[in-house]
């Protein structure tokens, strides 16, 4: 059984173009992921403590920590712990 193709069409037909379409879609997804990724990766790096001091007695304690940059502090108060 012979397969007839039109003179202007390429061998493989729609499957050949589907492979190009899939490759173009994959490239588009990769470019979109790179474009919308976070800009500064340095902000995601963990804080480093440069110095640490602790002083106190049996009833009170004071802790002082110095960081390499300003920390982004998120805290909340408990009403009745």
N, C-alpha and C. Protein backbone atom coordinates (compact mmCIF):
# COMPACT_ATOMS: atom_id res chain seq x y z
N UNK A 1 0.84 -1.17 0.00
CA UNK A 1 0.00 0.00 0.00
C UNK A 1 0.89 1.24 0.00
N UNK A 2 0.70 2.08 -0.93
CA UNK A 2 1.53 3.27 -1.09
C UNK A 2 0.84 4.47 -0.45
N UNK A 3 1.68 5.35 0.12
CA UNK A 3 1.16 6.57 0.72
C UNK A 3 1.39 7.70 -0.26
N UNK A 4 0.33 8.40 -0.59
CA UNK A 4 0.43 9.51 -1.53
C UNK A 4 0.49 10.82 -0.75
N UNK A 5 1.47 11.64 -1.10
CA UNK A 5 1.57 12.96 -0.49
C UNK A 5 1.53 14.01 -1.58
N UNK A 6 1.05 15.15 -1.24
CA UNK A 6 1.01 16.27 -2.18
C UNK A 6 2.42 16.78 -2.41
N UNK A 7 2.72 17.29 -3.58
CA UNK A 7 4.07 17.73 -3.90
C UNK A 7 4.56 18.86 -2.99
N UNK A 8 3.65 19.71 -2.52
CA UNK A 8 4.07 20.84 -1.70
C UNK A 8 4.18 20.49 -0.22
N UNK A 9 3.67 19.35 0.19
CA UNK A 9 3.73 18.99 1.61
C UNK A 9 5.01 18.24 1.91
N UNK A 10 5.44 18.28 3.15
CA UNK A 10 6.65 17.60 3.56
C UNK A 10 6.31 16.20 4.06
N UNK A 11 7.28 15.36 4.06
CA UNK A 11 7.08 14.01 4.58
C UNK A 11 6.84 14.10 6.07
N UNK A 12 5.88 13.40 6.55
CA UNK A 12 5.54 13.42 7.97
C UNK A 12 4.26 14.17 8.22
N UNK A 13 3.92 15.09 7.40
CA UNK A 13 2.66 15.79 7.47
C UNK A 13 2.45 16.54 8.77
N UNK A 14 1.26 16.39 9.37
CA UNK A 14 0.94 17.17 10.57
C UNK A 14 1.79 16.79 11.78
N UNK A 15 2.34 15.57 11.80
CA UNK A 15 3.16 15.17 12.94
C UNK A 15 4.47 15.95 12.97
N UNK A 16 4.97 16.28 11.79
CA UNK A 16 6.20 17.06 11.69
C UNK A 16 6.00 18.45 12.27
N UNK A 17 4.88 19.07 11.94
CA UNK A 17 4.58 20.42 12.44
C UNK A 17 4.19 20.38 13.91
N UNK A 18 3.60 19.30 14.37
CA UNK A 18 3.25 19.18 15.78
C UNK A 18 4.51 19.16 16.65
N UNK A 19 5.57 18.55 16.15
CA UNK A 19 6.82 18.53 16.91
C UNK A 19 7.38 19.94 17.04
N UNK A 20 7.31 20.73 15.96
CA UNK A 20 7.74 22.13 16.05
C UNK A 20 6.86 22.92 17.01
N UNK A 21 5.58 22.66 16.98
CA UNK A 21 4.65 23.36 17.87
C UNK A 21 4.96 23.04 19.33
N UNK A 22 5.21 21.77 19.64
CA UNK A 22 5.55 21.38 21.01
C UNK A 22 6.86 22.02 21.45
N UNK A 23 7.84 22.06 20.56
CA UNK A 23 9.13 22.68 20.90
C UNK A 23 8.96 24.17 21.15
N UNK A 24 8.13 24.83 20.34
CA UNK A 24 7.89 26.26 20.53
C UNK A 24 7.16 26.52 21.84
N UNK A 25 6.20 25.67 22.18
CA UNK A 25 5.47 25.83 23.46
C UNK A 25 6.41 25.62 24.64
N UNK A 26 7.27 24.63 24.55
CA UNK A 26 8.23 24.38 25.63
C UNK A 26 9.18 25.57 25.80
N UNK A 27 9.65 26.12 24.69
CA UNK A 27 10.51 27.29 24.75
C UNK A 27 9.79 28.48 25.36
N UNK A 28 8.53 28.66 25.01
CA UNK A 28 7.73 29.75 25.56
C UNK A 28 7.56 29.60 27.08
N UNK A 29 7.33 28.39 27.55
CA UNK A 29 7.17 28.15 28.99
C UNK A 29 8.47 28.42 29.73
N UNK A 30 9.59 28.00 29.16
CA UNK A 30 10.89 28.23 29.81
C UNK A 30 11.19 29.73 29.89
N UNK A 31 10.93 30.46 28.81
CA UNK A 31 11.16 31.91 28.81
C UNK A 31 10.25 32.60 29.81
N UNK A 32 8.98 32.17 29.91
CA UNK A 32 8.05 32.76 30.87
C UNK A 32 8.50 32.50 32.31
N UNK A 33 8.99 31.30 32.58
CA UNK A 33 9.47 30.99 33.94
C UNK A 33 10.69 31.84 34.29
N UNK A 34 11.58 32.05 33.34
CA UNK A 34 12.74 32.88 33.62
C UNK A 34 12.37 34.34 33.77
N UNK A 35 11.37 34.79 33.02
CA UNK A 35 10.97 36.20 33.09
C UNK A 35 10.26 36.53 34.39
N UNK A 36 9.49 35.60 34.94
CA UNK A 36 8.72 35.88 36.14
C UNK A 36 9.36 35.33 37.40
N UNK A 37 10.60 34.90 37.34
CA UNK A 37 11.29 34.41 38.52
C UNK A 37 11.67 35.59 39.41
N UNK A 38 11.90 35.36 40.70
CA UNK A 38 12.29 36.46 41.59
C UNK A 38 13.59 37.11 41.12
N UNK A 39 13.63 38.43 41.20
CA UNK A 39 14.77 39.17 40.67
C UNK A 39 15.97 39.05 41.59
N UNK A 40 15.78 39.23 42.89
CA UNK A 40 16.93 39.20 43.80
C UNK A 40 16.95 37.88 44.55
N UNK A 41 17.95 37.09 44.25
CA UNK A 41 18.12 35.83 44.96
C UNK A 41 18.92 36.05 46.24
N UNK A 42 19.60 37.19 46.37
CA UNK A 42 20.39 37.48 47.57
C UNK A 42 19.48 37.70 48.77
N UNK A 43 18.27 38.20 48.57
CA UNK A 43 17.35 38.44 49.68
C UNK A 43 16.86 37.12 50.27
N UNK A 44 16.91 36.05 49.49
CA UNK A 44 16.46 34.75 49.99
C UNK A 44 17.54 34.04 50.80
N UNK A 45 18.75 34.56 50.79
CA UNK A 45 19.84 33.94 51.53
C UNK A 45 19.57 34.09 53.03
N UNK A 46 19.91 33.09 53.82
CA UNK A 46 19.66 33.18 55.26
C UNK A 46 20.53 34.24 55.93
N UNK A 47 20.01 34.77 57.03
CA UNK A 47 20.77 35.75 57.81
C UNK A 47 21.96 35.08 58.47
N UNK A 48 23.02 35.83 58.62
CA UNK A 48 24.19 35.34 59.34
C UNK A 48 24.38 36.20 60.58
N UNK A 49 24.58 35.56 61.71
CA UNK A 49 24.81 36.27 62.97
C UNK A 49 26.30 36.57 63.06
N UNK A 50 26.63 37.87 63.20
CA UNK A 50 28.04 38.25 63.28
C UNK A 50 28.56 38.24 64.71
N UNK A 51 27.69 38.53 65.68
CA UNK A 51 28.11 38.44 67.09
C UNK A 51 26.89 38.09 67.95
N UNK A 52 27.19 37.51 69.11
CA UNK A 52 26.14 37.03 70.00
C UNK A 52 26.59 37.27 71.43
N UNK A 53 25.74 37.92 72.23
CA UNK A 53 26.04 38.16 73.64
C UNK A 53 24.85 37.71 74.47
N UNK A 54 25.14 37.11 75.61
CA UNK A 54 24.08 36.67 76.51
C UNK A 54 24.53 36.99 77.93
N UNK A 55 23.64 37.64 78.68
CA UNK A 55 23.96 38.00 80.06
C UNK A 55 22.69 37.89 80.89
N UNK A 56 22.84 37.60 82.15
CA UNK A 56 21.68 37.53 83.02
C UNK A 56 21.97 36.72 84.26
N UNK A 57 20.89 36.51 85.03
CA UNK A 57 20.99 35.70 86.24
C UNK A 57 19.85 34.69 86.21
N UNK A 58 19.46 34.19 87.38
CA UNK A 58 18.44 33.14 87.46
C UNK A 58 17.05 33.65 87.11
N UNK A 59 16.80 34.96 87.23
CA UNK A 59 15.45 35.47 86.98
C UNK A 59 15.31 36.22 85.66
N UNK A 60 16.38 36.84 85.17
CA UNK A 60 16.30 37.63 83.94
C UNK A 60 17.43 37.24 82.99
N UNK A 61 17.14 37.37 81.70
CA UNK A 61 18.13 37.02 80.69
C UNK A 61 18.07 38.06 79.57
N UNK A 62 19.23 38.49 79.08
CA UNK A 62 19.29 39.41 77.95
C UNK A 62 20.15 38.77 76.87
N UNK A 63 19.61 38.76 75.66
CA UNK A 63 20.32 38.20 74.51
C UNK A 63 20.44 39.29 73.46
N UNK A 64 21.65 39.51 72.95
CA UNK A 64 21.90 40.50 71.90
C UNK A 64 22.56 39.77 70.73
N UNK A 65 21.93 39.89 69.56
CA UNK A 65 22.49 39.28 68.35
C UNK A 65 22.65 40.36 67.29
N UNK A 66 23.80 40.40 66.63
CA UNK A 66 24.06 41.31 65.51
C UNK A 66 24.09 40.49 64.22
N UNK A 67 23.32 40.95 63.22
CA UNK A 67 23.22 40.24 61.95
C UNK A 67 24.03 40.95 60.88
N UNK A 68 24.28 40.26 59.78
CA UNK A 68 25.03 40.86 58.68
C UNK A 68 24.21 41.86 57.88
N UNK A 69 22.88 41.82 57.99
CA UNK A 69 22.01 42.82 57.36
C UNK A 69 20.75 42.96 58.20
N UNK A 70 19.92 43.94 57.85
CA UNK A 70 18.69 44.21 58.60
C UNK A 70 17.70 43.05 58.39
N UNK A 71 17.27 42.40 59.48
CA UNK A 71 16.32 41.29 59.31
C UNK A 71 14.90 41.80 59.05
N UNK A 72 14.15 41.02 58.30
CA UNK A 72 12.73 41.31 58.05
C UNK A 72 11.94 40.57 59.14
N UNK A 73 11.64 41.30 60.23
CA UNK A 73 11.03 40.69 61.40
C UNK A 73 9.52 40.63 61.22
N UNK A 74 8.96 39.45 61.41
CA UNK A 74 7.51 39.26 61.40
C UNK A 74 7.15 38.61 62.73
N UNK A 75 6.35 39.29 63.53
CA UNK A 75 6.03 38.78 64.86
C UNK A 75 4.59 39.09 65.19
N UNK A 76 4.10 38.45 66.23
CA UNK A 76 2.75 38.69 66.72
C UNK A 76 2.74 38.44 68.22
N UNK A 77 1.74 39.01 68.89
CA UNK A 77 1.61 38.84 70.33
C UNK A 77 0.49 37.86 70.63
N UNK A 78 0.72 37.03 71.63
CA UNK A 78 -0.32 36.12 72.09
C UNK A 78 -1.08 36.80 73.22
N UNK A 79 -2.39 36.75 73.16
CA UNK A 79 -3.20 37.42 74.18
C UNK A 79 -3.05 36.73 75.53
N UNK A 80 -3.12 35.45 75.57
CA UNK A 80 -2.99 34.73 76.83
C UNK A 80 -2.22 33.44 76.64
N UNK A 81 -0.89 33.51 76.64
CA UNK A 81 -0.11 32.29 76.38
C UNK A 81 -0.17 31.29 77.51
